């Protein structure tokens, strides 16, 4: 009764005695948008002082969707953290001249919805639209979504400390089958595999069901492909799904190093020093073309990354990052980066591997770091390592580097901080990302896991059908 009375008041106040009106029985909200809104955020100056800064945001950049089935109106792309949702100006369109009312935040009372006045949308609000005949109405729940956390805030959690992993002098983390595995060596003679559940708090060593042992370099040559982990050991290519059952894929595949894995191929270096690839799980290998000589291939601390190509779903980019031998190439100051565009389309083009030059024309090169570890993360790749060697004099664990252009430029990012209490005296380091966009750092006996906030945000439904 209150709603009907409110509607009559709205319509009667707008009509004169001589107006000719066409009345309709049906109506709906057909469009909803917010105009400029205020946003308050803290900004840190170079001196470390925090100041609250007011900015304005154009609401037109945040589209609102109307779910006519469930009578919900919302913005799937939330307004930035710090937006003042308590003072929002909005515009609303209705079908057949429907009249609008909004329910109080504290009672069932309805008030005229005036788009010239700011509205408090700090919580979901009920908005009613009445047919201009006054015989029917539709009720919508309007949600103005605002992020409750800063997009580029990164939080680390110490999952474990003082673990058995502290005994390793070399390690490489691999995410496979819903678990994080660490392949490593404690004495340089054999490689052991450690596995954890997704919490990272406890680690166990699977008992290999295999007659042999993995040699001391096997941990350096591990890639994950199609649910299995592949490694080179004693001249053989072996594969395992869980670190327990190891199968020999090939007795003598003419390989000396594994580099990376894409969607359809595993990549490596053959005994002639040339890049090669396999599409059948390592049973057969085909040569890859390279634009530069094999002397520029990395031979230590090698990481392979798979990057999706946004413009073409049938293409992907494979990037290999690593260092050369420290004694032979003592003058190196930067890591070596190679990239290849892999085309899986019906008219696929065979692309060559391209070496990204390390000359002075690029001022944003990745430093040559001991225990260098690189992984795909967020909008590109991230890299971390212990202190520099050769001509690189960087101190241990100074920063995480990020590349958003496929490995050409690498920059330190303030939104990717290192854990404050990370063990900078550790002898071994590795880093990897899981399939939930969490970044893991295993540093000595410490296990750290963190995530960039925006990578956790959901993508809700935006298309509705009758």
Protein backbone atom coordinates (compact mmCIF):
# COMPACT_ATOMS: atom_id res chain seq x y z
CA UNK A 1 0.00 0.00 0.00
CA UNK A 2 2.83 2.38 0.80
CA UNK A 3 4.45 1.64 -2.57
CA UNK A 4 1.21 2.20 -4.49
CA UNK A 5 0.52 5.43 -2.63
CA UNK A 6 4.03 6.66 -3.35
CA UNK A 7 3.59 5.95 -7.03
CA UNK A 8 0.30 7.82 -7.22
CA UNK A 9 1.92 10.80 -5.57
CA UNK A 10 4.76 10.75 -8.06
CA UNK A 11 2.48 10.65 -11.09
CA UNK A 12 -0.16 13.08 -9.83
CA UNK A 13 2.42 15.69 -9.02
CA UNK A 14 3.65 15.66 -12.59
CA UNK A 15 0.36 15.80 -14.52
CA UNK A 16 -1.91 18.73 -15.40
CA UNK A 17 -5.68 18.57 -15.93
CA UNK A 18 -5.44 18.85 -19.70
CA UNK A 19 -2.48 16.51 -20.36
CA UNK A 20 -3.13 13.62 -22.70
CA UNK A 21 -1.48 10.53 -21.28
CA UNK A 22 -0.90 7.06 -22.69
CA UNK A 23 -0.94 4.60 -19.84
CA UNK A 24 1.01 1.35 -19.75
CA UNK A 25 0.78 -1.64 -17.46
CA UNK A 26 4.33 -2.90 -17.93
CA UNK A 27 7.67 -1.33 -17.12
CA UNK A 28 11.30 -2.17 -16.25
CA UNK A 29 14.63 -0.52 -15.63
CA UNK A 30 16.44 -0.60 -18.95
CA UNK A 31 19.69 1.26 -18.17
CA UNK A 32 21.67 2.23 -15.09
CA UNK A 33 24.91 4.23 -14.84
CA UNK A 34 26.86 6.25 -12.30
CA UNK A 35 28.46 9.58 -13.06
CA UNK A 36 31.65 10.98 -11.55
CA UNK A 37 32.41 9.68 -8.05
CA UNK A 38 35.07 10.60 -5.52
CA UNK A 39 37.89 8.25 -4.57
CA UNK A 40 40.16 8.60 -1.54
CA UNK A 41 43.49 6.79 -1.44
CA UNK A 42 46.71 7.03 0.54
CA UNK A 43 49.80 7.95 -1.47
CA UNK A 44 53.31 7.47 -0.12
CA UNK A 45 55.84 10.19 -0.93
CA UNK A 46 59.54 9.59 -1.57
CA UNK A 47 60.20 10.50 2.07
CA UNK A 48 57.84 7.75 3.23
CA UNK A 49 55.02 10.03 4.37
CA UNK A 50 51.46 8.88 3.67
CA UNK A 51 48.88 11.42 2.49
CA UNK A 52 45.18 10.95 1.77
CA UNK A 53 44.52 12.13 -1.78
CA UNK A 54 41.10 12.77 -3.32
CA UNK A 55 40.60 11.93 -6.99
CA UNK A 56 37.57 11.63 -9.21
CA UNK A 57 36.58 8.59 -11.23
CA UNK A 58 34.48 8.61 -14.37
CA UNK A 59 31.58 6.28 -13.76
CA UNK A 60 31.11 5.81 -17.48
CA UNK A 61 34.17 3.54 -17.43
CA UNK A 62 32.31 1.04 -15.25
CA UNK A 63 29.42 -0.57 -17.04
CA UNK A 64 26.40 -1.79 -15.09
CA UNK A 65 24.58 -4.95 -16.12
CA UNK A 66 20.88 -5.60 -15.59
CA UNK A 67 19.84 -9.16 -14.85
CA UNK A 68 16.14 -9.05 -15.72
CA UNK A 69 15.64 -12.65 -14.58
CA UNK A 70 16.84 -12.13 -11.02
CA UNK A 71 16.13 -8.38 -10.93
CA UNK A 72 19.69 -7.44 -10.05
CA UNK A 73 21.74 -4.47 -11.25
CA UNK A 74 25.49 -4.39 -10.64
CA UNK A 75 28.89 -3.47 -12.05
CA UNK A 76 31.03 -6.58 -12.67
CA UNK A 77 34.17 -4.44 -12.81
CA UNK A 78 34.25 -3.03 -9.29
CA UNK A 79 35.04 0.62 -8.67
CA UNK A 80 38.54 1.21 -7.25
CA UNK A 81 39.44 0.77 -3.62
CA UNK A 82 38.65 3.97 -1.71
CA UNK A 83 35.63 4.99 -3.82
CA UNK A 84 33.00 6.93 -1.87
CA UNK A 85 29.95 4.76 -2.54
CA UNK A 86 27.88 6.70 0.00
CA UNK A 87 27.55 9.68 -2.35
CA UNK A 88 26.75 8.49 -5.86
CA UNK A 89 24.98 10.36 -8.63
CA UNK A 90 23.38 8.02 -11.14
CA UNK A 91 21.15 8.01 -14.20
CA UNK A 92 18.36 5.48 -14.74
CA UNK A 93 16.23 4.74 -17.80
CA UNK A 94 12.89 2.96 -17.62
CA UNK A 95 10.52 1.35 -20.07
CA UNK A 96 7.27 3.15 -20.91
CA UNK A 97 8.03 6.06 -18.61
CA UNK A 98 8.10 3.99 -15.44
CA UNK A 99 8.38 5.94 -12.19
CA UNK A 100 11.18 5.24 -9.71
CA UNK A 101 11.28 4.88 -5.94
CA UNK A 102 14.01 3.72 -3.59
CA UNK A 103 13.60 1.91 -0.28
CA UNK A 104 15.05 3.39 2.88
CA UNK A 105 18.18 1.75 4.29
CA UNK A 106 16.55 1.38 7.70
CA UNK A 107 12.86 0.64 7.01
CA UNK A 108 10.34 -0.34 4.33
CA UNK A 109 9.56 3.30 3.54
CA UNK A 110 9.80 4.25 -0.12
CA UNK A 111 11.07 7.59 -1.35
CA UNK A 112 11.06 9.23 -4.75
CA UNK A 113 14.27 8.33 -6.58
CA UNK A 114 15.74 11.67 -7.71
CA UNK A 115 18.72 11.26 -10.02
CA UNK A 116 19.80 14.82 -9.25
CA UNK A 117 20.54 13.87 -5.64
CA UNK A 118 23.39 11.66 -4.49
CA UNK A 119 22.39 8.22 -3.25
CA UNK A 120 24.02 6.06 -0.59
CA UNK A 121 25.02 2.80 -2.29
CA UNK A 122 27.43 1.68 0.41
CA UNK A 123 25.17 -1.36 0.70
CA UNK A 124 22.74 -3.00 -1.76
CA UNK A 125 19.56 -0.92 -2.22
CA UNK A 126 16.06 -1.84 -3.35
CA UNK A 127 14.86 0.28 -6.27
CA UNK A 128 11.27 0.03 -7.51
CA UNK A 129 9.93 1.01 -10.91
CA UNK A 130 6.14 1.43 -11.31
CA UNK A 131 4.12 1.41 -14.49
CA UNK A 132 2.60 4.79 -15.18
CA UNK A 133 -0.88 3.27 -14.88
CA UNK A 134 0.03 2.30 -11.34
CA UNK A 135 -1.06 -1.32 -11.71
CA UNK A 136 2.31 -3.09 -11.62
CA UNK A 137 5.87 -2.67 -10.48
CA UNK A 138 9.28 -4.31 -10.63
CA UNK A 139 11.74 -4.39 -7.71
CA UNK A 140 15.50 -4.47 -8.35
CA UNK A 141 18.47 -4.90 -6.03
CA UNK A 142 21.15 -2.41 -7.03
CA UNK A 143 24.73 -3.19 -6.00
CA UNK A 144 27.47 -0.66 -6.61
CA UNK A 145 30.52 -2.89 -6.19
CA UNK A 146 33.69 -1.32 -4.80
CA UNK A 147 36.94 -3.21 -4.33
CA UNK A 148 37.65 -3.78 -0.65
CA UNK A 149 41.37 -4.15 -1.21
CA UNK A 150 43.94 -2.36 -3.32
CA UNK A 151 44.48 -3.96 -6.72
CA UNK A 152 48.28 -3.93 -6.60
CA UNK A 153 48.73 -4.87 -2.94
CA UNK A 154 50.78 -8.01 -2.41
CA UNK A 155 50.72 -10.03 0.80
CA UNK A 156 53.21 -12.77 1.76
CA UNK A 157 52.54 -15.60 4.18
CA UNK A 158 55.29 -17.69 5.76
CA UNK A 159 53.97 -21.22 5.24
CA UNK A 160 56.93 -23.06 6.78
CA UNK A 161 60.36 -22.38 8.24
CA UNK A 162 63.27 -24.63 9.14
CA UNK A 163 62.12 -27.36 6.78
CA UNK A 164 64.23 -30.20 5.39
CA UNK A 165 64.62 -28.09 2.26
CA UNK A 166 67.26 -26.01 4.06
CA UNK A 167 69.80 -28.78 3.36
CA UNK A 168 69.56 -28.32 -0.42
CA UNK A 169 72.32 -26.51 -2.27
CA UNK A 170 70.31 -26.36 -5.49
CA UNK A 171 66.57 -26.53 -6.06
CA UNK A 172 63.89 -26.04 -8.68
CA UNK A 173 60.17 -25.73 -7.92
CA UNK A 174 57.59 -27.22 -10.30
CA UNK A 175 53.80 -26.95 -9.97
CA UNK A 176 52.17 -30.09 -11.33
CA UNK A 177 49.00 -32.04 -10.61
CA UNK A 178 47.80 -29.67 -7.91
CA UNK A 179 51.00 -29.88 -5.87
CA UNK A 180 54.22 -27.96 -5.54
CA UNK A 181 57.31 -30.13 -6.05
CA UNK A 182 60.88 -29.16 -5.29
CA UNK A 183 63.62 -31.03 -7.12
CA UNK A 184 66.97 -30.50 -5.47
CA UNK A 185 70.32 -31.85 -4.39
CA UNK A 186 71.99 -31.79 -1.00
CA UNK A 187 75.37 -33.19 -1.98
CA UNK A 188 75.63 -32.75 -5.73
CA UNK A 189 75.55 -36.49 -6.36
CA UNK A 190 71.83 -37.26 -6.49
CA UNK A 191 68.57 -35.39 -6.99
CA UNK A 192 65.67 -35.86 -4.60
CA UNK A 193 62.07 -34.78 -5.08
CA UNK A 194 60.06 -33.13 -2.32
CA UNK A 195 56.30 -32.66 -2.50
CA UNK A 196 53.76 -30.67 -0.53
CA UNK A 197 50.01 -30.35 -0.32
CA UNK A 198 48.70 -26.97 -1.33
CA UNK A 199 49.35 -25.49 2.12
CA UNK A 200 53.14 -25.58 1.81
CA UNK A 201 53.49 -26.26 5.53
CA UNK A 202 54.63 -29.88 5.41
CA UNK A 203 56.90 -31.57 2.86
CA UNK A 204 57.47 -35.25 2.18
CA UNK A 205 59.89 -37.11 -0.05
CA UNK A 206 58.18 -39.67 -2.32
CA UNK A 207 59.91 -43.04 -2.50
CA UNK A 208 60.81 -43.57 -6.17
CA UNK A 209 59.67 -46.90 -7.59
CA UNK A 210 62.63 -47.17 -9.91
CA UNK A 211 65.79 -49.22 -10.10
CA UNK A 212 68.11 -46.26 -10.58
CA UNK A 213 68.76 -42.92 -8.91
CA UNK A 214 68.46 -39.45 -10.35
CA UNK A 215 71.88 -37.93 -10.94
CA UNK A 216 73.06 -34.71 -9.31
CA UNK A 217 72.08 -32.53 -12.29
CA UNK A 218 68.57 -33.88 -12.83
CA UNK A 219 67.00 -31.06 -10.78
CA UNK A 220 68.39 -28.50 -13.24
CA UNK A 221 66.55 -30.11 -16.16
CA UNK A 222 62.92 -30.40 -15.09
CA UNK A 223 59.86 -29.25 -17.02
CA UNK A 224 56.15 -29.94 -16.53
CA UNK A 225 54.06 -30.98 -19.54
CA UNK A 226 50.63 -32.62 -19.85
CA UNK A 227 50.39 -33.66 -16.20
CA UNK A 228 53.90 -35.09 -15.99
CA UNK A 229 57.31 -33.84 -14.91
CA UNK A 230 60.21 -34.62 -17.25
CA UNK A 231 63.89 -34.68 -16.35
CA UNK A 232 67.25 -35.77 -17.78
CA UNK A 233 69.31 -38.21 -15.73
CA UNK A 234 72.28 -40.38 -16.74
CA UNK A 235 71.60 -39.63 -20.39
CA UNK A 236 68.00 -40.85 -20.15
CA UNK A 237 64.76 -38.90 -20.33
CA UNK A 238 62.49 -39.86 -17.43
CA UNK A 239 58.94 -38.83 -16.55
CA UNK A 240 56.80 -38.97 -13.43
CA UNK A 241 53.36 -37.79 -12.36
CA UNK A 242 53.99 -37.67 -8.62
CA UNK A 243 57.69 -38.27 -7.97
CA UNK A 244 57.04 -41.90 -7.03
CA UNK A 245 56.65 -43.78 -10.31
CA UNK A 246 59.44 -42.82 -12.70
CA UNK A 247 59.34 -44.12 -16.27
CA UNK A 248 62.12 -44.05 -18.81
CA UNK A 249 60.79 -42.24 -21.89
CA UNK A 250 63.92 -42.56 -23.99
CA UNK A 251 67.24 -44.28 -23.29
CA UNK A 252 69.43 -41.93 -25.33
CA UNK A 253 67.41 -39.03 -26.76
CA UNK A 254 70.54 -37.10 -27.80
CA UNK A 255 69.64 -34.38 -25.32
CA UNK A 256 71.88 -32.54 -22.91
CA UNK A 257 69.39 -30.08 -21.46
CA UNK A 258 65.65 -29.46 -21.07
CA UNK A 259 64.55 -25.84 -21.41
CA UNK A 260 60.78 -25.32 -21.35
CA UNK A 261 57.36 -26.69 -22.17
CA UNK A 262 54.50 -25.16 -24.10
CA UNK A 263 51.01 -26.42 -24.79
CA UNK A 264 52.05 -28.79 -27.55
CA UNK A 265 55.81 -29.17 -27.25
CA UNK A 266 58.71 -29.83 -24.92
CA UNK A 267 61.87 -27.87 -25.74
CA UNK A 268 65.48 -28.77 -25.11
CA UNK A 269 69.05 -28.58 -26.38
CA UNK A 270 70.58 -31.55 -28.18
CA UNK A 271 74.12 -32.83 -27.89
CA UNK A 272 75.14 -30.63 -30.85
CA UNK A 273 74.13 -27.53 -28.89
CA UNK A 274 71.05 -26.78 -31.00
CA UNK A 275 67.51 -26.21 -29.80
CA UNK A 276 65.13 -29.10 -30.39
CA UNK A 277 61.51 -29.96 -29.59
CA UNK A 278 59.20 -32.92 -29.08
CA UNK A 279 55.45 -33.21 -29.61
CA UNK A 280 55.09 -36.81 -28.37
CA UNK A 281 56.31 -36.58 -24.79
CA UNK A 282 60.01 -36.86 -25.56
CA UNK A 283 60.06 -40.00 -27.70
CA UNK A 284 61.17 -38.19 -30.85
CA UNK A 285 62.80 -34.79 -31.34
CA UNK A 286 62.93 -32.31 -34.21
CA UNK A 287 65.40 -29.43 -34.72
CA UNK A 288 64.34 -25.85 -34.02
CA UNK A 289 65.61 -22.86 -35.99
CA UNK A 290 67.55 -20.13 -34.18
CA UNK A 291 68.44 -16.61 -35.27
CA UNK A 292 71.71 -16.57 -33.29
CA UNK A 293 74.54 -18.97 -32.59
CA UNK A 294 74.29 -21.65 -29.92
CA UNK A 295 77.04 -19.98 -27.88
CA UNK A 296 74.36 -17.54 -26.64
CA UNK A 297 72.17 -20.27 -25.16
CA UNK A 298 71.92 -20.32 -21.34
CA UNK A 299 73.40 -23.39 -19.71
CA UNK A 300 72.71 -22.79 -16.01
CA UNK A 301 69.80 -21.45 -13.90
CA UNK A 302 67.48 -22.06 -16.85
CA UNK A 303 63.76 -21.32 -16.59
CA UNK A 304 61.10 -21.72 -19.24
CA UNK A 305 57.87 -19.70 -19.33
CA UNK A 306 54.66 -20.02 -21.31
CA UNK A 307 52.83 -16.78 -22.16
CA UNK A 308 49.42 -16.54 -23.76
CA UNK A 309 48.98 -14.22 -26.74
CA UNK A 310 45.89 -12.09 -26.12
CA UNK A 311 45.42 -11.17 -29.77
CA UNK A 312 45.40 -14.76 -31.03
CA UNK A 313 44.21 -17.79 -29.05
CA UNK A 314 46.00 -20.12 -31.48
CA UNK A 315 49.39 -18.65 -30.62
CA UNK A 316 51.56 -18.67 -27.53
CA UNK A 317 54.97 -17.33 -26.63
CA UNK A 318 57.70 -19.49 -25.11
CA UNK A 319 60.47 -17.67 -23.24
CA UNK A 320 63.70 -19.22 -21.95
CA UNK A 321 65.81 -17.33 -19.41
CA UNK A 322 69.12 -18.28 -17.82
CA UNK A 323 72.85 -17.71 -17.54
CA UNK A 324 75.99 -18.94 -19.25
CA UNK A 325 78.91 -20.68 -17.58
CA UNK A 326 80.56 -18.38 -15.08
CA UNK A 327 84.19 -19.20 -15.91
CA UNK A 328 83.99 -19.25 -19.70
CA UNK A 329 81.83 -16.13 -19.87
CA UNK A 330 83.10 -14.17 -16.89
CA UNK A 331 82.33 -10.85 -18.61
CA UNK A 332 78.56 -11.42 -18.69
CA UNK A 333 76.62 -8.96 -16.57
CA UNK A 334 73.09 -9.91 -17.60
CA UNK A 335 70.96 -13.00 -17.99
CA UNK A 336 70.25 -14.39 -21.46
CA UNK A 337 66.71 -14.41 -22.83
CA UNK A 338 65.32 -16.28 -25.84
CA UNK A 339 61.78 -16.18 -27.15
CA UNK A 340 59.65 -17.95 -29.74
CA UNK A 341 56.11 -17.44 -31.03
CA UNK A 342 54.45 -20.84 -31.42
CA UNK A 343 51.55 -21.00 -33.88
CA UNK A 344 48.98 -23.81 -33.65
CA UNK A 345 46.49 -22.43 -36.17
CA UNK A 346 45.32 -24.18 -39.38
CA UNK A 347 47.70 -22.02 -41.43
CA UNK A 348 50.48 -22.11 -38.88
CA UNK A 349 53.70 -20.25 -39.54
CA UNK A 350 56.95 -21.78 -38.30
CA UNK A 351 58.76 -19.13 -36.25
CA UNK A 352 62.40 -19.16 -35.21
CA UNK A 353 63.83 -18.76 -31.75
CA UNK A 354 64.99 -15.16 -31.27
CA UNK A 355 67.79 -14.10 -28.96
CA UNK A 356 67.13 -10.83 -27.12
CA UNK A 357 70.37 -8.88 -27.37
CA UNK A 358 72.12 -7.82 -24.18
CA UNK A 359 73.83 -4.71 -25.56
CA UNK A 360 73.68 -1.24 -24.03
CA UNK A 361 70.70 -0.18 -26.17
CA UNK A 362 68.44 -1.81 -23.58
CA UNK A 363 68.74 -0.27 -20.13
CA UNK A 364 66.27 -2.65 -18.52
CA UNK A 365 68.10 -5.96 -18.79
CA UNK A 366 67.71 -8.75 -16.27
CA UNK A 367 70.82 -8.98 -14.04
CA UNK A 368 72.97 -12.09 -14.01
CA UNK A 369 71.98 -13.64 -10.69
CA UNK A 370 73.00 -16.82 -8.91
CA UNK A 371 70.14 -19.28 -8.45
CA UNK A 372 68.10 -17.23 -10.92
CA UNK A 373 64.46 -18.36 -11.03
CA UNK A 374 61.85 -17.07 -13.50
CA UNK A 375 58.15 -17.92 -13.72
CA UNK A 376 55.00 -16.77 -15.48
CA UNK A 377 52.91 -14.59 -13.19
CA UNK A 378 50.12 -12.04 -13.55
CA UNK A 379 50.56 -9.94 -16.68
CA UNK A 380 53.94 -11.39 -17.61
CA UNK A 381 56.95 -12.97 -15.93
CA UNK A 382 58.77 -12.40 -12.66
CA UNK A 383 62.40 -13.16 -11.78
CA UNK A 384 64.36 -13.49 -8.56
CA UNK A 385 67.85 -14.58 -7.62
CA UNK A 386 70.61 -14.50 -5.07
CA UNK A 387 73.61 -12.18 -5.48
CA UNK A 388 75.07 -11.38 -8.88
CA UNK A 389 78.18 -12.97 -10.36
CA UNK A 390 80.53 -12.21 -13.23
CA UNK A 391 80.17 -8.51 -13.97
CA UNK A 392 76.90 -8.29 -12.02
CA UNK A 393 77.41 -6.93 -8.51
CA UNK A 394 73.81 -6.95 -7.28
CA UNK A 395 73.33 -7.97 -3.65
CA UNK A 396 71.31 -11.08 -2.77
CA UNK A 397 67.52 -10.83 -2.84
CA UNK A 398 67.24 -7.11 -3.50
CA UNK A 399 64.05 -7.15 -5.59
CA UNK A 400 61.66 -9.10 -7.76
CA UNK A 401 61.96 -8.16 -11.43
CA UNK A 402 58.97 -8.18 -13.78
CA UNK A 403 58.70 -8.27 -17.56
CA UNK A 404 55.46 -7.51 -19.38
CA UNK A 405 56.81 -7.59 -22.92
CA UNK A 406 57.92 -11.18 -23.24
CA UNK A 407 61.32 -10.79 -21.57
CA UNK A 408 62.77 -7.78 -23.37
CA UNK A 409 62.53 -5.30 -20.49
CA UNK A 410 62.78 -6.14 -16.80
CA UNK A 411 61.88 -3.70 -14.03
CA UNK A 412 61.69 -3.69 -10.26
CA UNK A 413 58.08 -3.23 -9.14
CA UNK A 414 57.07 -1.63 -5.86
CA UNK A 415 53.88 -3.71 -5.81
CA UNK A 416 55.96 -6.91 -5.86
CA UNK A 417 57.89 -6.62 -2.59
CA UNK A 418 59.99 -9.36 -1.10
CA UNK A 419 58.99 -10.78 2.29
CA UNK A 420 60.48 -8.55 4.95
CA UNK A 421 62.11 -11.43 6.83
CA UNK A 422 63.24 -13.52 3.86
CA UNK A 423 66.51 -15.36 4.51
CA UNK A 424 69.07 -13.36 2.53
CA UNK A 425 71.82 -15.70 3.64
CA UNK A 426 70.22 -18.78 2.06
CA UNK A 427 72.34 -21.05 -0.12
CA UNK A 428 69.53 -22.06 -2.45
CA UNK A 429 66.47 -20.40 -3.93
CA UNK A 430 63.61 -21.22 -6.27
CA UNK A 431 60.34 -19.55 -7.27
CA UNK A 432 57.22 -20.82 -9.04
CA UNK A 433 53.54 -19.97 -9.47
CA UNK A 434 50.60 -22.30 -8.98
CA UNK A 435 47.35 -22.48 -10.94
CA UNK A 436 45.59 -20.13 -8.49
CA UNK A 437 47.96 -17.25 -9.23
CA UNK A 438 49.85 -17.68 -5.96
CA UNK A 439 53.57 -17.02 -6.08
CA UNK A 440 55.84 -19.35 -4.09
CA UNK A 441 59.38 -18.62 -2.94
CA UNK A 442 61.39 -21.42 -1.36
CA UNK A 443 64.49 -19.85 0.16
CA UNK A 444 66.64 -22.16 2.22
CA UNK A 445 64.26 -23.69 4.74
CA UNK A 446 61.64 -20.95 4.35
CA UNK A 447 58.51 -21.43 2.26
CA UNK A 448 56.68 -18.23 1.31
CA UNK A 449 53.40 -17.92 -0.57
CA UNK A 450 51.70 -14.72 -1.68
CA UNK A 451 49.34 -13.24 -4.21
CA UNK A 452 48.66 -9.95 -5.94
CA UNK A 453 45.15 -8.94 -4.85
CA UNK A 454 43.71 -8.25 -8.29
CA UNK A 455 44.56 -11.76 -9.47
CA UNK A 456 42.02 -13.12 -6.98
CA UNK A 457 39.11 -11.06 -8.22
CA UNK A 458 36.24 -12.92 -9.82
CA UNK A 459 34.77 -12.33 -13.27
CA UNK A 460 31.02 -12.56 -12.70
CA UNK A 461 28.38 -13.30 -15.33
CA UNK A 462 27.62 -10.33 -17.59
CA UNK A 463 25.40 -11.88 -20.26
CA UNK A 464 21.85 -12.98 -19.49
CA UNK A 465 19.22 -14.65 -21.63
CA UNK A 466 15.48 -14.85 -21.22
